[in-house]
Amino acid sequence: MFKPLTPQQCDVITAMITNAKLFDGGEVDAARRNGWLEGVDKLSQGEPCPCGMCPSVQLLFDGRPTPESSPRTVLSAEGFNSVVLLFIDDDKPSYLEIAEYGEGGGGMPRAGQLEF
């Protein structure tokens, strides 16, 4: 079962694709970013994180999960009391990880709260 992305999730994913650096600190070329952006409207929510407490969520492309690939592209940013990771497999966003830290956690950050 899947459901549409929330506007906030869509904004965060779009901001991550547009601005985030690779987790290892490297850069991503504009052509790859543009390709990922073109697919955002085909994304929906899949399974939530099994912890049941954080806002991390599997991303479905055309209603289907994207299998993990190697090498995997990981974009990263800092959010409100969280590290935000966008996993991209087979050139499709596949998982939005919100790793919360600090007291109370920040939940899903707004796109404007992300630091790249």
N, C-alpha and C. Protein backbone atom coordinates (compact mmCIF):
# COMPACT_ATOMS: atom_id res chain seq x y z
N MET A 1 0.84 -1.19 0.00
CA MET A 1 0.00 0.00 0.00
C MET A 1 0.88 1.24 0.00
N PHE A 2 0.53 2.21 -0.78
CA PHE A 2 1.29 3.44 -0.82
C PHE A 2 0.34 4.62 -0.82
N LYS A 3 0.89 5.77 -0.47
CA LYS A 3 0.10 7.00 -0.50
C LYS A 3 0.96 8.13 -1.05
N PRO A 4 0.33 9.20 -1.51
CA PRO A 4 1.10 10.31 -2.08
C PRO A 4 2.05 10.91 -1.05
N LEU A 5 3.11 11.53 -1.55
CA LEU A 5 3.99 12.29 -0.67
C LEU A 5 3.22 13.47 -0.10
N THR A 6 3.56 13.86 1.11
CA THR A 6 3.00 15.09 1.65
C THR A 6 3.70 16.26 0.95
N PRO A 7 3.09 17.44 0.94
CA PRO A 7 3.79 18.60 0.36
C PRO A 7 5.14 18.84 1.03
N GLN A 8 5.22 18.62 2.34
CA GLN A 8 6.48 18.83 3.06
C GLN A 8 7.53 17.82 2.61
N GLN A 9 7.17 16.56 2.46
CA GLN A 9 8.11 15.54 1.97
C GLN A 9 8.58 15.90 0.56
N CYS A 10 7.67 16.30 -0.29
CA CYS A 10 8.01 16.66 -1.66
C CYS A 10 8.99 17.84 -1.68
N ASP A 11 8.73 18.84 -0.84
CA ASP A 11 9.62 20.01 -0.76
C ASP A 11 11.01 19.61 -0.27
N VAL A 12 11.07 18.74 0.74
CA VAL A 12 12.37 18.30 1.28
C VAL A 12 13.13 17.50 0.22
N ILE A 13 12.46 16.58 -0.45
CA ILE A 13 13.11 15.78 -1.49
C ILE A 13 13.62 16.67 -2.62
N THR A 14 12.80 17.62 -3.04
CA THR A 14 13.21 18.54 -4.11
C THR A 14 14.40 19.38 -3.68
N ALA A 15 14.38 19.89 -2.45
CA ALA A 15 15.51 20.68 -1.94
C ALA A 15 16.77 19.83 -1.84
N MET A 16 16.63 18.59 -1.40
CA MET A 16 17.78 17.70 -1.31
C MET A 16 18.38 17.45 -2.69
N ILE A 17 17.55 17.13 -3.66
CA ILE A 17 18.05 16.87 -5.01
C ILE A 17 18.71 18.11 -5.59
N THR A 18 18.14 19.26 -5.34
CA THR A 18 18.64 20.51 -5.91
C THR A 18 19.95 20.97 -5.27
N ASN A 19 20.09 20.78 -3.93
CA ASN A 19 21.17 21.43 -3.20
C ASN A 19 22.14 20.54 -2.44
N ALA A 20 21.72 19.36 -2.04
CA ALA A 20 22.54 18.56 -1.13
C ALA A 20 23.80 18.02 -1.80
N LYS A 21 24.83 17.90 -0.99
CA LYS A 21 26.08 17.29 -1.45
C LYS A 21 26.01 15.79 -1.20
N LEU A 22 26.91 15.08 -1.84
CA LEU A 22 27.01 13.66 -1.57
C LEU A 22 27.43 13.45 -0.12
N PHE A 23 27.01 12.34 0.47
CA PHE A 23 27.34 12.03 1.85
C PHE A 23 28.84 12.04 2.08
N ASP A 24 29.61 11.63 1.07
CA ASP A 24 31.07 11.62 1.20
C ASP A 24 31.70 12.98 0.91
N GLY A 25 30.86 14.01 0.70
CA GLY A 25 31.36 15.36 0.48
C GLY A 25 31.56 15.73 -0.97
N GLY A 26 31.37 14.80 -1.86
CA GLY A 26 31.56 15.07 -3.29
C GLY A 26 30.44 15.90 -3.89
N GLU A 27 30.59 16.18 -5.15
CA GLU A 27 29.61 16.98 -5.89
C GLU A 27 28.83 16.09 -6.85
N VAL A 28 27.65 16.56 -7.24
CA VAL A 28 26.82 15.86 -8.22
C VAL A 28 26.63 16.80 -9.40
N ASP A 29 26.76 16.27 -10.62
CA ASP A 29 26.61 17.15 -11.78
C ASP A 29 25.14 17.49 -12.03
N ALA A 30 24.92 18.60 -12.71
CA ALA A 30 23.58 19.14 -12.94
C ALA A 30 22.70 18.18 -13.73
N ALA A 31 23.26 17.46 -14.67
CA ALA A 31 22.45 16.53 -15.48
C ALA A 31 21.82 15.44 -14.62
N ARG A 32 22.58 14.90 -13.69
CA ARG A 32 22.03 13.87 -12.80
C ARG A 32 20.94 14.46 -11.91
N ARG A 33 21.21 15.64 -11.35
CA ARG A 33 20.20 16.30 -10.51
C ARG A 33 18.91 16.54 -11.30
N ASN A 34 19.04 17.03 -12.53
CA ASN A 34 17.85 17.29 -13.34
C ASN A 34 17.07 16.02 -13.62
N GLY A 35 17.77 14.92 -13.87
CA GLY A 35 17.09 13.64 -14.08
C GLY A 35 16.31 13.20 -12.85
N TRP A 36 16.91 13.37 -11.68
CA TRP A 36 16.21 13.00 -10.44
C TRP A 36 15.00 13.90 -10.22
N LEU A 37 15.16 15.20 -10.50
CA LEU A 37 14.05 16.14 -10.31
C LEU A 37 12.86 15.79 -11.20
N GLU A 38 13.14 15.35 -12.42
CA GLU A 38 12.06 14.99 -13.34
C GLU A 38 11.22 13.84 -12.81
N GLY A 39 11.78 13.01 -11.94
CA GLY A 39 11.05 11.87 -11.41
C GLY A 39 10.31 12.11 -10.11
N VAL A 40 10.45 13.29 -9.51
CA VAL A 40 9.84 13.54 -8.20
C VAL A 40 8.33 13.36 -8.25
N ASP A 41 7.69 13.76 -9.35
CA ASP A 41 6.23 13.64 -9.43
C ASP A 41 5.77 12.18 -9.54
N LYS A 42 6.70 11.25 -9.74
CA LYS A 42 6.36 9.82 -9.81
C LYS A 42 6.57 9.11 -8.47
N LEU A 43 7.01 9.87 -7.45
CA LEU A 43 7.28 9.28 -6.14
C LEU A 43 6.05 9.25 -5.27
N SER A 44 5.98 8.24 -4.42
CA SER A 44 4.94 8.14 -3.39
C SER A 44 5.58 7.49 -2.16
N GLN A 45 4.82 7.49 -1.07
CA GLN A 45 5.31 6.90 0.18
C GLN A 45 5.12 5.40 0.16
N GLY A 46 6.15 4.69 0.59
CA GLY A 46 6.06 3.25 0.79
C GLY A 46 5.98 2.96 2.28
N GLU A 47 6.77 2.00 2.72
CA GLU A 47 6.77 1.60 4.12
C GLU A 47 7.46 2.66 4.99
N PRO A 48 6.87 2.97 6.15
CA PRO A 48 7.56 3.86 7.09
C PRO A 48 8.70 3.11 7.77
N CYS A 49 9.57 3.86 8.42
CA CYS A 49 10.67 3.26 9.17
C CYS A 49 10.09 2.29 10.21
N PRO A 50 10.69 1.12 10.37
CA PRO A 50 10.17 0.14 11.33
C PRO A 50 10.25 0.60 12.78
N CYS A 51 11.05 1.63 13.08
CA CYS A 51 11.13 2.09 14.47
C CYS A 51 9.80 2.68 14.94
N GLY A 52 9.00 3.18 13.99
CA GLY A 52 7.70 3.73 14.34
C GLY A 52 7.73 5.09 14.99
N MET A 53 8.91 5.67 15.15
CA MET A 53 9.01 6.95 15.86
C MET A 53 9.52 8.09 14.97
N CYS A 54 10.33 7.77 13.97
CA CYS A 54 10.91 8.82 13.13
C CYS A 54 10.10 8.96 11.84
N PRO A 55 10.28 10.06 11.13
CA PRO A 55 9.52 10.26 9.89
C PRO A 55 10.17 9.67 8.63
N SER A 56 11.18 8.81 8.80
CA SER A 56 11.84 8.20 7.64
C SER A 56 10.84 7.33 6.87
N VAL A 57 11.01 7.30 5.54
CA VAL A 57 10.04 6.56 4.73
C VAL A 57 10.70 6.04 3.44
N GLN A 58 10.27 4.85 3.07
CA GLN A 58 10.65 4.28 1.77
C GLN A 58 9.95 5.10 0.69
N LEU A 59 10.62 5.30 -0.42
CA LEU A 59 10.02 6.01 -1.55
C LEU A 59 9.75 5.02 -2.67
N LEU A 60 8.56 5.10 -3.22
CA LEU A 60 8.18 4.25 -4.34
C LEU A 60 8.23 5.07 -5.61
N PHE A 61 8.69 4.47 -6.69
CA PHE A 61 8.73 5.12 -8.00
C PHE A 61 7.70 4.43 -8.87
N ASP A 62 6.71 5.18 -9.34
CA ASP A 62 5.58 4.60 -10.08
C ASP A 62 4.92 3.48 -9.28
N GLY A 63 4.83 3.66 -7.96
CA GLY A 63 4.16 2.69 -7.11
C GLY A 63 4.97 1.46 -6.76
N ARG A 64 6.25 1.43 -7.15
CA ARG A 64 7.08 0.25 -6.90
C ARG A 64 8.35 0.63 -6.16
N PRO A 65 8.80 -0.23 -5.24
CA PRO A 65 10.08 0.04 -4.58
C PRO A 65 11.23 -0.13 -5.58
N THR A 66 12.27 0.63 -5.36
CA THR A 66 13.48 0.52 -6.18
C THR A 66 14.48 -0.33 -5.41
N PRO A 67 14.92 -1.45 -5.96
CA PRO A 67 15.90 -2.29 -5.25
C PRO A 67 17.20 -1.52 -5.01
N GLU A 68 17.84 -1.83 -3.89
CA GLU A 68 19.14 -1.24 -3.58
C GLU A 68 20.12 -1.58 -4.68
N SER A 69 20.90 -0.59 -5.08
CA SER A 69 21.91 -0.83 -6.10
C SER A 69 23.28 -0.48 -5.54
N SER A 70 24.28 -0.87 -6.27
CA SER A 70 25.64 -0.57 -5.86
C SER A 70 26.38 -0.04 -7.08
N PRO A 71 27.03 1.07 -7.03
CA PRO A 71 27.10 1.94 -5.85
C PRO A 71 25.81 2.74 -5.69
N ARG A 72 25.52 3.04 -4.48
CA ARG A 72 24.32 3.78 -4.10
C ARG A 72 24.71 5.24 -3.93
N THR A 73 23.87 6.15 -4.40
CA THR A 73 24.09 7.58 -4.22
C THR A 73 23.36 8.02 -2.96
N VAL A 74 24.06 8.75 -2.09
CA VAL A 74 23.44 9.24 -0.86
C VAL A 74 23.71 10.74 -0.76
N LEU A 75 22.63 11.52 -0.73
CA LEU A 75 22.72 12.96 -0.54
C LEU A 75 22.47 13.26 0.93
N SER A 76 23.15 14.28 1.47
CA SER A 76 22.98 14.57 2.90
C SER A 76 22.85 16.06 3.17
N ALA A 77 22.14 16.35 4.26
CA ALA A 77 21.96 17.72 4.75
C ALA A 77 21.66 17.63 6.24
N GLU A 78 21.73 18.76 6.90
CA GLU A 78 21.33 18.87 8.30
C GLU A 78 19.96 19.54 8.32
N GLY A 79 19.10 19.05 9.19
CA GLY A 79 17.78 19.65 9.38
C GLY A 79 17.64 20.08 10.82
N PHE A 80 16.44 20.44 11.23
CA PHE A 80 16.18 20.84 12.60
C PHE A 80 16.33 19.62 13.50
N ASN A 81 17.45 19.56 14.26
CA ASN A 81 17.75 18.42 15.14
C ASN A 81 17.78 17.08 14.41
N SER A 82 18.26 17.09 13.17
CA SER A 82 18.30 15.83 12.43
C SER A 82 19.33 15.89 11.30
N VAL A 83 19.74 14.71 10.91
CA VAL A 83 20.52 14.53 9.69
C VAL A 83 19.54 13.97 8.67
N VAL A 84 19.54 14.55 7.48
CA VAL A 84 18.62 14.12 6.44
C VAL A 84 19.45 13.46 5.33
N LEU A 85 19.07 12.24 4.98
CA LEU A 85 19.74 11.50 3.92
C LEU A 85 18.71 11.11 2.86
N LEU A 86 19.05 11.33 1.61
CA LEU A 86 18.21 10.87 0.51
C LEU A 86 19.01 9.83 -0.25
N PHE A 87 18.52 8.59 -0.22
CA PHE A 87 19.17 7.48 -0.92
C PHE A 87 18.62 7.41 -2.34
N ILE A 88 19.52 7.23 -3.29
CA ILE A 88 19.14 7.14 -4.69
C ILE A 88 19.74 5.86 -5.26
N ASP A 89 18.86 4.99 -5.75
CA ASP A 89 19.27 3.72 -6.33
C ASP A 89 18.77 3.67 -7.77
N ASP A 90 19.63 3.22 -8.67
CA ASP A 90 19.26 3.11 -10.09
C ASP A 90 18.70 4.44 -10.61
N ASP A 91 19.30 5.54 -10.16
CA ASP A 91 18.90 6.91 -10.53
C ASP A 91 17.47 7.26 -10.14
N LYS A 92 16.95 6.62 -9.08
CA LYS A 92 15.62 6.94 -8.56
C LYS A 92 15.71 7.12 -7.05
N PRO A 93 15.17 8.22 -6.51
CA PRO A 93 15.13 8.35 -5.04
C PRO A 93 14.39 7.15 -4.45
N SER A 94 15.00 6.50 -3.45
CA SER A 94 14.43 5.26 -2.93
C SER A 94 14.12 5.28 -1.43
N TYR A 95 14.75 6.19 -0.68
CA TYR A 95 14.51 6.24 0.76
C TYR A 95 14.86 7.62 1.29
N LEU A 96 13.98 8.17 2.12
CA LEU A 96 14.22 9.45 2.79
C LEU A 96 14.42 9.15 4.26
N GLU A 97 15.65 9.32 4.72
CA GLU A 97 16.03 9.03 6.11
C GLU A 97 16.12 10.33 6.89
N ILE A 98 15.40 10.38 8.00
CA ILE A 98 15.48 11.52 8.92
C ILE A 98 16.01 10.96 10.23
N ALA A 99 17.30 11.13 10.47
CA ALA A 99 17.95 10.62 11.69
C ALA A 99 17.95 11.74 12.72
N GLU A 100 17.02 11.64 13.65
CA GLU A 100 16.84 12.69 14.65
C GLU A 100 17.85 12.55 15.78
N TYR A 101 18.25 13.68 16.35
CA TYR A 101 19.13 13.69 17.51
C TYR A 101 18.71 14.82 18.43
N GLY A 102 19.24 14.80 19.63
CA GLY A 102 18.90 15.84 20.60
C GLY A 102 17.58 15.54 21.27
N GLU A 103 17.22 16.40 22.18
CA GLU A 103 15.99 16.20 22.94
C GLU A 103 14.77 16.47 22.09
N GLY A 104 13.85 15.54 22.14
CA GLY A 104 12.57 15.72 21.47
C GLY A 104 12.56 15.46 19.97
N GLY A 105 13.71 15.45 19.35
CA GLY A 105 13.74 15.26 17.90
C GLY A 105 13.00 16.37 17.19
N GLY A 106 13.28 16.54 15.95
CA GLY A 106 12.67 17.63 15.21
C GLY A 106 11.57 17.21 14.26
N GLY A 107 11.32 15.90 14.12
CA GLY A 107 10.34 15.46 13.15
C GLY A 107 10.82 15.73 11.74
N MET A 108 9.90 15.76 10.81
CA MET A 108 10.25 16.06 9.42
C MET A 108 10.59 17.55 9.31
N PRO A 109 11.83 17.87 8.95
CA PRO A 109 12.18 19.29 8.82
C PRO A 109 11.48 19.90 7.61
N ARG A 110 11.32 21.20 7.64
CA ARG A 110 10.84 21.91 6.46
C ARG A 110 12.04 22.14 5.54
N ALA A 111 11.79 22.27 4.26
CA ALA A 111 12.88 22.47 3.29
C ALA A 111 13.73 23.68 3.66
N GLY A 112 13.11 24.73 4.17
CA GLY A 112 13.84 25.94 4.54
C GLY A 112 14.73 25.77 5.75
N GLN A 113 14.56 24.68 6.51
CA GLN A 113 15.39 24.41 7.68
C GLN A 113 16.64 23.60 7.32
N LEU A 114 16.73 23.12 6.10
CA LEU A 114 17.87 22.29 5.71
C LEU A 114 19.11 23.14 5.51
N GLU A 115 20.23 22.62 5.98
CA GLU A 115 21.54 23.26 5.78
C GLU A 115 22.38 22.33 4.92
N PHE A 116 22.88 22.90 3.82
CA PHE A 116 23.64 22.10 2.85
C PHE A 116 25.11 22.40 2.93
